[in-house]
Amino acid sequence: MLDYAVAMTRTPVEVPEELFTRLRREFAEAQLVELTAAIAWENYRARFDHALGVEAQGFSEGASCPLPVG
Protein backbone atom coordinates (compact mmCIF):
# COMPACT_ATOMS: atom_id res chain seq x y z
CA MET A 1 0.00 0.00 0.00
CA LEU A 2 2.81 2.42 0.83
CA ASP A 3 4.61 1.57 -2.40
CA TYR A 4 1.38 2.39 -4.22
CA ALA A 5 1.07 5.74 -2.46
CA VAL A 6 4.67 6.59 -3.36
CA ALA A 7 4.13 5.61 -7.00
CA MET A 8 0.97 7.71 -7.20
CA THR A 9 2.75 10.70 -5.66
CA ARG A 10 5.60 10.77 -8.16
CA THR A 11 5.53 13.00 -11.19
CA PRO A 12 4.81 11.54 -13.66
CA VAL A 13 2.63 8.89 -12.02
CA GLU A 14 3.91 5.44 -12.96
CA VAL A 15 2.43 2.42 -11.21
CA PRO A 16 4.03 -0.79 -12.43
CA GLU A 17 1.77 -3.74 -13.27
CA GLU A 18 3.74 -5.87 -10.79
CA LEU A 19 2.61 -3.55 -8.00
CA PHE A 20 -1.03 -3.85 -9.11
CA THR A 21 -0.64 -7.64 -9.11
CA ARG A 22 0.55 -7.54 -5.49
CA LEU A 23 -2.26 -5.17 -4.50
CA ARG A 24 -4.91 -7.37 -6.15
CA ARG A 25 -3.79 -10.28 -3.96
CA GLU A 26 -4.58 -8.25 -0.85
CA PHE A 27 -7.52 -6.04 -1.87
CA ALA A 28 -10.81 -6.45 -3.72
CA GLU A 29 -11.47 -4.18 -6.72
CA ALA A 30 -13.76 -1.91 -4.70
CA GLN A 31 -11.08 -1.57 -2.02
CA LEU A 32 -8.49 -0.65 -4.66
CA VAL A 33 -10.79 2.03 -6.02
CA GLU A 34 -11.29 3.45 -2.53
CA LEU A 35 -7.55 3.30 -1.77
CA THR A 36 -6.74 5.02 -5.07
CA ALA A 37 -9.29 7.75 -4.39
CA ALA A 38 -7.92 8.37 -0.88
CA ILE A 39 -4.33 8.64 -2.13
CA ALA A 40 -5.37 10.88 -5.03
CA TRP A 41 -7.35 13.16 -2.71
CA GLU A 42 -4.41 13.57 -0.30
CA ASN A 43 -2.09 14.32 -3.22
CA TYR A 44 -4.55 16.89 -4.54
CA ARG A 45 -4.94 18.49 -1.12
CA ALA A 46 -1.20 18.63 -0.46
CA ARG A 47 -0.42 20.15 -3.86
CA PHE A 48 -3.29 22.63 -3.59
CA ASP A 49 -2.15 23.79 -0.15
CA HIS A 50 1.49 23.94 -1.21
CA ALA A 51 0.71 25.98 -4.33
CA LEU A 52 -1.21 28.54 -2.27
CA GLY A 53 1.27 28.59 0.59
CA VAL A 54 -1.25 27.17 3.06
CA GLU A 55 0.58 26.02 6.16
CA ALA A 56 -0.43 24.08 9.25
CA GLN A 57 -2.90 25.95 11.41
CA GLY A 58 -1.92 24.28 14.69
CA PHE A 59 -5.08 22.22 15.09
CA SER A 60 -3.13 19.10 16.01
CA GLU A 61 -0.78 20.89 18.43
CA GLY A 62 -0.75 18.95 21.66
CA ALA A 63 -3.08 16.32 20.20
CA SER A 64 -1.33 13.17 21.24
CA CYS A 65 -2.12 10.01 23.10
CA PRO A 66 0.73 9.42 25.55
CA LEU A 67 1.46 5.83 26.46
CA PRO A 68 0.98 4.88 30.12
CA VAL A 69 4.16 4.71 32.15
CA GLY A 70 5.13 1.39 33.54
PDB file of N, CA and C in Angstrom:
ATOM      1  N   MET A   1       0.822  -1.172   0.000  1.00  0.00           N
ATOM      2  CA  MET A   1       0.000   0.000   0.000  1.00  0.00           C
ATOM      3  C   MET A   1       0.875   1.247   0.000  1.00  0.00           C
ATOM      4  N   LEU A   2       1.923   1.252   0.803  1.00  0.00           N
ATOM      5  CA  LEU A   2       2.805   2.423   0.832  1.00  0.00           C
ATOM      6  C   LEU A   2       3.551   2.592  -0.483  1.00  0.00           C
ATOM      7  N   ASP A   3       3.967   1.488  -1.087  1.00  0.00           N
ATOM      8  CA  ASP A   3       4.614   1.574  -2.401  1.00  0.00           C
ATOM      9  C   ASP A   3       3.661   2.185  -3.427  1.00  0.00           C
ATOM     10  N   TYR A   4       2.399   1.855  -3.322  1.00  0.00           N
ATOM     11  CA  TYR A   4       1.379   2.394  -4.222  1.00  0.00           C
ATOM     12  C   TYR A   4       1.234   3.898  -4.014  1.00  0.00           C
ATOM     13  N   ALA A   5       1.178   4.310  -2.758  1.00  0.00           N
ATOM     14  CA  ALA A   5       1.070   5.742  -2.462  1.00  0.00           C
ATOM     15  C   ALA A   5       2.271   6.503  -3.000  1.00  0.00           C
ATOM     16  N   VAL A   6       3.459   5.936  -2.839  1.00  0.00           N
ATOM     17  CA  VAL A   6       4.668   6.587  -3.356  1.00  0.00           C
ATOM     18  C   VAL A   6       4.607   6.684  -4.880  1.00  0.00           C
ATOM     19  N   ALA A   7       4.210   5.604  -5.530  1.00  0.00           N
ATOM     20  CA  ALA A   7       4.132   5.606  -7.002  1.00  0.00           C
ATOM     21  C   ALA A   7       3.116   6.632  -7.494  1.00  0.00           C
ATOM     22  N   MET A   8       1.999   6.749  -6.790  1.00  0.00           N
ATOM     23  CA  MET A   8       0.970   7.714  -7.200  1.00  0.00           C
ATOM     24  C   MET A   8       1.384   9.154  -6.930  1.00  0.00           C
ATOM     25  N   THR A   9       2.321   9.355  -6.031  1.00  0.00           N
ATOM     26  CA  THR A   9       2.746  10.699  -5.657  1.00  0.00           C
ATOM     27  C   THR A   9       3.836  11.234  -6.580  1.00  0.00           C
ATOM     28  N   ARG A  10       4.536  10.346  -7.252  1.00  0.00           N
ATOM     29  CA  ARG A  10       5.604  10.773  -8.159  1.00  0.00           C
ATOM     30  C   ARG A  10       5.039  11.502  -9.365  1.00  0.00           C
ATOM     31  N   THR A  11       5.888  12.331  -9.955  1.00  0.00           N
ATOM     32  CA  THR A  11       5.525  13.001 -11.189  1.00  0.00           C
ATOM     33  C   THR A  11       6.547  12.604 -12.242  1.00  0.00           C
ATOM     34  N   PRO A  12       6.161  11.969 -13.331  1.00  0.00           N
ATOM     35  CA  PRO A  12       4.810  11.536 -13.657  1.00  0.00           C
ATOM     36  C   PRO A  12       4.429  10.288 -12.853  1.00  0.00           C
ATOM     37  N   VAL A  13       3.136  10.064 -12.735  1.00  0.00           N
ATOM     38  CA  VAL A  13       2.635   8.886 -12.017  1.00  0.00           C
ATOM     39  C   VAL A  13       2.917   7.653 -12.861  1.00  0.00           C
ATOM     40  N   GLU A  14       3.627   6.706 -12.277  1.00  0.00           N
ATOM     41  CA  GLU A  14       3.913   5.439 -12.959  1.00  0.00           C
ATOM     42  C   GLU A  14       3.754   4.317 -11.944  1.00  0.00           C
ATOM     43  N   VAL A  15       2.682   3.554 -12.103  1.00  0.00           N
ATOM     44  CA  VAL A  15       2.425   2.423 -11.212  1.00  0.00           C
ATOM     45  C   VAL A  15       2.668   1.144 -12.010  1.00  0.00           C
ATOM     46  N   PRO A  16       3.723   0.421 -11.669  1.00  0.00           N
ATOM     47  CA  PRO A  16       4.035  -0.795 -12.431  1.00  0.00           C
ATOM     48  C   PRO A  16       2.959  -1.874 -12.265  1.00  0.00           C
ATOM     49  N   GLU A  17       2.769  -2.656 -13.300  1.00  0.00           N
ATOM     50  CA  GLU A  17       1.775  -3.739 -13.268  1.00  0.00           C
ATOM     51  C   GLU A  17       2.083  -4.731 -12.149  1.00  0.00           C
ATOM     52  N   GLU A  18       3.347  -4.949 -11.872  1.00  0.00           N
ATOM     53  CA  GLU A  18       3.745  -5.868 -10.790  1.00  0.00           C
ATOM     54  C   GLU A  18       3.190  -5.397  -9.455  1.00  0.00           C
ATOM     55  N   LEU A  19       3.164  -4.098  -9.239  1.00  0.00           N
ATOM     56  CA  LEU A  19       2.608  -3.552  -8.003  1.00  0.00           C
ATOM     57  C   LEU A  19       1.101  -3.783  -7.955  1.00  0.00           C
ATOM     58  N   PHE A  20       0.402  -3.575  -9.066  1.00  0.00           N
ATOM     59  CA  PHE A  20      -1.030  -3.852  -9.113  1.00  0.00           C
ATOM     60  C   PHE A  20      -1.313  -5.327  -8.840  1.00  0.00           C
ATOM     61  N   THR A  21      -0.470  -6.202  -9.349  1.00  0.00           N
ATOM     62  CA  THR A  21      -0.640  -7.638  -9.108  1.00  0.00           C
ATOM     63  C   THR A  21      -0.559  -7.931  -7.616  1.00  0.00           C
ATOM     64  N   ARG A  22       0.415  -7.348  -6.949  1.00  0.00           N
ATOM     65  CA  ARG A  22       0.552  -7.540  -5.493  1.00  0.00           C
ATOM     66  C   ARG A  22      -0.660  -6.980  -4.760  1.00  0.00           C
ATOM     67  N   LEU A  23      -1.112  -5.793  -5.156  1.00  0.00           N
ATOM     68  CA  LEU A  23      -2.264  -5.174  -4.501  1.00  0.00           C
ATOM     69  C   LEU A  23      -3.529  -6.005  -4.684  1.00  0.00           C
ATOM     70  N   ARG A  24      -3.708  -6.578  -5.863  1.00  0.00           N
ATOM     71  CA  ARG A  24      -4.913  -7.374  -6.146  1.00  0.00           C
ATOM     72  C   ARG A  24      -4.958  -8.656  -5.318  1.00  0.00           C
ATOM     73  N   ARG A  25      -3.804  -9.108  -4.845  1.00  0.00           N
ATOM     74  CA  ARG A  25      -3.792 -10.283  -3.964  1.00  0.00           C
ATOM     75  C   ARG A  25      -4.312  -9.937  -2.576  1.00  0.00           C
ATOM     76  N   GLU A  26      -4.200  -8.680  -2.195  1.00  0.00           N
ATOM     77  CA  GLU A  26      -4.580  -8.246  -0.846  1.00  0.00           C
ATOM     78  C   GLU A  26      -5.921  -7.520  -0.781  1.00  0.00           C
ATOM     79  N   PHE A  27      -6.334  -6.895  -1.875  1.00  0.00           N
ATOM     80  CA  PHE A  27      -7.522  -6.040  -1.872  1.00  0.00           C
ATOM     81  C   PHE A  27      -8.488  -6.421  -2.987  1.00  0.00           C
ATOM     82  N   ALA A  28      -9.777  -6.280  -2.698  1.00  0.00           N
ATOM     83  CA  ALA A  28     -10.812  -6.446  -3.722  1.00  0.00           C
ATOM     84  C   ALA A  28     -10.797  -5.205  -4.620  1.00  0.00           C
ATOM     85  N   GLU A  29     -11.443  -5.313  -5.778  1.00  0.00           N
ATOM     86  CA  GLU A  29     -11.468  -4.185  -6.720  1.00  0.00           C
ATOM     87  C   GLU A  29     -12.051  -2.924  -6.077  1.00  0.00           C
ATOM     88  N   ALA A  30     -13.148  -3.072  -5.350  1.00  0.00           N
ATOM     89  CA  ALA A  30     -13.765  -1.906  -4.697  1.00  0.00           C
ATOM     90  C   ALA A  30     -12.813  -1.279  -3.680  1.00  0.00           C
ATOM     91  N   GLN A  31     -12.054  -2.097  -2.973  1.00  0.00           N
ATOM     92  CA  GLN A  31     -11.082  -1.573  -2.018  1.00  0.00           C
ATOM     93  C   GLN A  31      -9.962  -0.828  -2.728  1.00  0.00           C
ATOM     94  N   LEU A  32      -9.530  -1.341  -3.883  1.00  0.00           N
ATOM     95  CA  LEU A  32      -8.488  -0.653  -4.656  1.00  0.00           C
ATOM     96  C   LEU A  32      -8.969   0.697  -5.166  1.00  0.00           C
ATOM     97  N   VAL A  33     -10.236   0.761  -5.568  1.00  0.00           N
ATOM     98  CA  VAL A  33     -10.794   2.031  -6.020  1.00  0.00           C
ATOM     99  C   VAL A  33     -10.806   3.021  -4.860  1.00  0.00           C
ATOM    100  N   GLU A  34     -11.241   2.570  -3.689  1.00  0.00           N
ATOM    101  CA  GLU A  34     -11.288   3.455  -2.526  1.00  0.00           C
ATOM    102  C   GLU A  34      -9.890   3.892  -2.104  1.00  0.00           C
ATOM    103  N   LEU A  35      -8.936   2.973  -2.101  1.00  0.00           N
ATOM    104  CA  LEU A  35      -7.554   3.303  -1.769  1.00  0.00           C
ATOM    105  C   LEU A  35      -6.994   4.322  -2.751  1.00  0.00           C
ATOM    106  N   THR A  36      -7.224   4.104  -4.036  1.00  0.00           N
ATOM    107  CA  THR A  36      -6.736   5.023  -5.072  1.00  0.00           C
ATOM    108  C   THR A  36      -7.341   6.413  -4.884  1.00  0.00           C
ATOM    109  N   ALA A  37      -8.633   6.459  -4.592  1.00  0.00           N
ATOM    110  CA  ALA A  37      -9.294   7.749  -4.386  1.00  0.00           C
ATOM    111  C   ALA A  37      -8.717   8.474  -3.172  1.00  0.00           C
ATOM    112  N   ALA A  38      -8.466   7.751  -2.094  1.00  0.00           N
ATOM    113  CA  ALA A  38      -7.921   8.370  -0.883  1.00  0.00           C
ATOM    114  C   ALA A  38      -6.524   8.934  -1.139  1.00  0.00           C
ATOM    115  N   ILE A  39      -5.684   8.167  -1.823  1.00  0.00           N
ATOM    116  CA  ILE A  39      -4.326   8.636  -2.133  1.00  0.00           C
ATOM    117  C   ILE A  39      -4.390   9.840  -3.065  1.00  0.00           C
ATOM    118  N   ALA A  40      -5.237   9.766  -4.084  1.00  0.00           N
ATOM    119  CA  ALA A  40      -5.366  10.877  -5.032  1.00  0.00           C
ATOM    120  C   ALA A  40      -5.854  12.143  -4.326  1.00  0.00           C
ATOM    121  N   TRP A  41      -6.822  12.006  -3.435  1.00  0.00           N
ATOM    122  CA  TRP A  41      -7.352  13.159  -2.706  1.00  0.00           C
ATOM    123  C   TRP A  41      -6.261  13.805  -1.858  1.00  0.00           C
ATOM    124  N   GLU A  42      -5.480  13.015  -1.138  1.00  0.00           N
ATOM    125  CA  GLU A  42      -4.410  13.570  -0.303  1.00  0.00           C
ATOM    126  C   GLU A  42      -3.340  14.244  -1.152  1.00  0.00           C
ATOM    127  N   ASN A  43      -3.036  13.675  -2.310  1.00  0.00           N
ATOM    128  CA  ASN A  43      -2.089  14.316  -3.223  1.00  0.00           C
ATOM    129  C   ASN A  43      -2.639  15.651  -3.719  1.00  0.00           C
ATOM    130  N   TYR A  44      -3.911  15.661  -4.091  1.00  0.00           N
ATOM    131  CA  TYR A  44      -4.553  16.893  -4.544  1.00  0.00           C
ATOM    132  C   TYR A  44      -4.489  17.949  -3.451  1.00  0.00           C
ATOM    133  N   ARG A  45      -4.880  17.558  -2.242  1.00  0.00           N
ATOM    134  CA  ARG A  45      -4.939  18.495  -1.118  1.00  0.00           C
ATOM    135  C   ARG A  45      -3.553  19.048  -0.789  1.00  0.00           C
ATOM    136  N   ALA A  46      -2.561  18.190  -0.775  1.00  0.00           N
ATOM    137  CA  ALA A  46      -1.203  18.629  -0.459  1.00  0.00           C
ATOM    138  C   ALA A  46      -0.674  19.588  -1.522  1.00  0.00           C
ATOM    139  N   ARG A  47      -0.909  19.277  -2.784  1.00  0.00           N
ATOM    140  CA  ARG A  47      -0.423  20.151  -3.865  1.00  0.00           C
ATOM    141  C   ARG A  47      -1.179  21.476  -3.893  1.00  0.00           C
ATOM    142  N   PHE A  48      -2.470  21.428  -3.637  1.00  0.00           N
ATOM    143  CA  PHE A  48      -3.292  22.633  -3.591  1.00  0.00           C
ATOM    144  C   PHE A  48      -2.789  23.554  -2.487  1.00  0.00           C
ATOM    145  N   ASP A  49      -2.629  22.994  -1.292  1.00  0.00           N
ATOM    146  CA  ASP A  49      -2.152  23.793  -0.154  1.00  0.00           C
ATOM    147  C   ASP A  49      -0.751  24.346  -0.410  1.00  0.00           C
ATOM    148  N   HIS A  50       0.114  23.512  -0.943  1.00  0.00           N
ATOM    149  CA  HIS A  50       1.490  23.940  -1.209  1.00  0.00           C
ATOM    150  C   HIS A  50       1.523  25.080  -2.226  1.00  0.00           C
ATOM    151  N   ALA A  51       0.735  24.952  -3.281  1.00  0.00           N
ATOM    152  CA  ALA A  51       0.714  25.982  -4.326  1.00  0.00           C
ATOM    153  C   ALA A  51       0.240  27.326  -3.790  1.00  0.00           C
ATOM    154  N   LEU A  52      -0.683  27.298  -2.835  1.00  0.00           N
ATOM    155  CA  LEU A  52      -1.214  28.540  -2.274  1.00  0.00           C
ATOM    156  C   LEU A  52      -0.481  28.986  -1.004  1.00  0.00           C
ATOM    157  N   GLY A  53       0.518  28.234  -0.606  1.00  0.00           N
ATOM    158  CA  GLY A  53       1.274  28.592   0.590  1.00  0.00           C
ATOM    159  C   GLY A  53       0.504  28.365   1.882  1.00  0.00           C
ATOM    160  N   VAL A  54      -0.480  27.480   1.858  1.00  0.00           N
ATOM    161  CA  VAL A  54      -1.251  27.173   3.062  1.00  0.00           C
ATOM    162  C   VAL A  54      -0.395  26.302   3.972  1.00  0.00           C
ATOM    163  N   GLU A  55      -0.231  26.767   5.201  1.00  0.00           N
ATOM    164  CA  GLU A  55       0.581  26.024   6.159  1.00  0.00           C
ATOM    165  C   GLU A  55      -0.293  25.484   7.273  1.00  0.00           C
ATOM    166  N   ALA A  56       0.295  24.659   8.118  1.00  0.00           N
ATOM    167  CA  ALA A  56      -0.426  24.085   9.251  1.00  0.00           C
ATOM    168  C   ALA A  56      -1.008  25.194  10.113  1.00  0.00           C
ATOM    169  N   GLN A  57      -2.208  24.962  10.598  1.00  0.00           N
ATOM    170  CA  GLN A  57      -2.904  25.954  11.407  1.00  0.00           C
ATOM    171  C   GLN A  57      -2.846  25.642  12.899  1.00  0.00           C
ATOM    172  N   GLY A  58      -2.110  24.603  13.288  1.00  0.00           N
ATOM    173  CA  GLY A  58      -1.922  24.280  14.692  1.00  0.00           C
ATOM    174  C   GLY A  58      -3.043  23.486  15.329  1.00  0.00           C
ATOM    175  N   PHE A  59      -3.956  22.960  14.527  1.00  0.00           N
ATOM    176  CA  PHE A  59      -5.083  22.220  15.094  1.00  0.00           C
ATOM    177  C   PHE A  59      -4.654  20.937  15.795  1.00  0.00           C
ATOM    178  N   SER A  60      -3.552  20.348  15.378  1.00  0.00           N
ATOM    179  CA  SER A  60      -3.126  19.100  16.011  1.00  0.00           C
ATOM    180  C   SER A  60      -2.079  19.321  17.096  1.00  0.00           C
ATOM    181  N   GLU A  61      -1.749  20.581  17.379  1.00  0.00           N
ATOM    182  CA  GLU A  61      -0.782  20.890  18.427  1.00  0.00           C
ATOM    183  C   GLU A  61      -1.251  20.315  19.745  1.00  0.00           C
ATOM    184  N   GLY A  62      -0.410  19.527  20.377  1.00  0.00           N
ATOM    185  CA  GLY A  62      -0.752  18.948  21.660  1.00  0.00           C
ATOM    186  C   GLY A  62      -1.727  17.794  21.573  1.00  0.00           C
ATOM    187  N   ALA A  63      -2.142  17.435  20.368  1.00  0.00           N
ATOM    188  CA  ALA A  63      -3.076  16.324  20.201  1.00  0.00           C
ATOM    189  C   ALA A  63      -2.282  15.033  20.109  1.00  0.00           C
ATOM    190  N   SER A  64      -2.072  14.438  21.239  1.00  0.00           N
ATOM    191  CA  SER A  64      -1.332  13.175  21.239  1.00  0.00           C
ATOM    192  C   SER A  64      -1.945  12.262  22.288  1.00  0.00           C
ATOM    193  N   CYS A  65      -1.649  11.009  22.150  1.00  0.00           N
ATOM    194  CA  CYS A  65      -2.122  10.007  23.102  1.00  0.00           C
ATOM    195  C   CYS A  65      -0.899   9.394  23.775  1.00  0.00           C
ATOM    196  N   PRO A  66      -0.468   9.944  24.903  1.00  0.00           N
ATOM    197  CA  PRO A  66       0.728   9.415  25.550  1.00  0.00           C
ATOM    198  C   PRO A  66       0.490   7.993  26.049  1.00  0.00           C
ATOM    199  N   LEU A  67       1.538   7.204  25.967  1.00  0.00           N
ATOM    200  CA  LEU A  67       1.463   5.833  26.463  1.00  0.00           C
ATOM    201  C   LEU A  67       1.565   5.839  27.985  1.00  0.00           C
ATOM    202  N   PRO A  68       0.874   4.938  28.663  1.00  0.00           N
ATOM    203  CA  PRO A  68       0.976   4.878  30.123  1.00  0.00           C
ATOM    204  C   PRO A  68       2.397   4.486  30.545  1.00  0.00           C
ATOM    205  N   VAL A  69       2.829   5.038  31.616  1.00  0.00           N
ATOM    206  CA  VAL A  69       4.164   4.710  32.149  1.00  0.00           C
ATOM    207  C   VAL A  69       4.067   3.433  32.935  1.00  0.00           C
ATOM    208  N   GLY A  70       5.054   2.557  32.687  1.00  0.00           N
ATOM    209  CA  GLY A  70       5.129   1.386  33.539  1.00  0.00           C
ATOM    210  C   GLY A  70       4.808   0.151  32.876  1.00  0.00           C
TER     211      GLY A  70
END
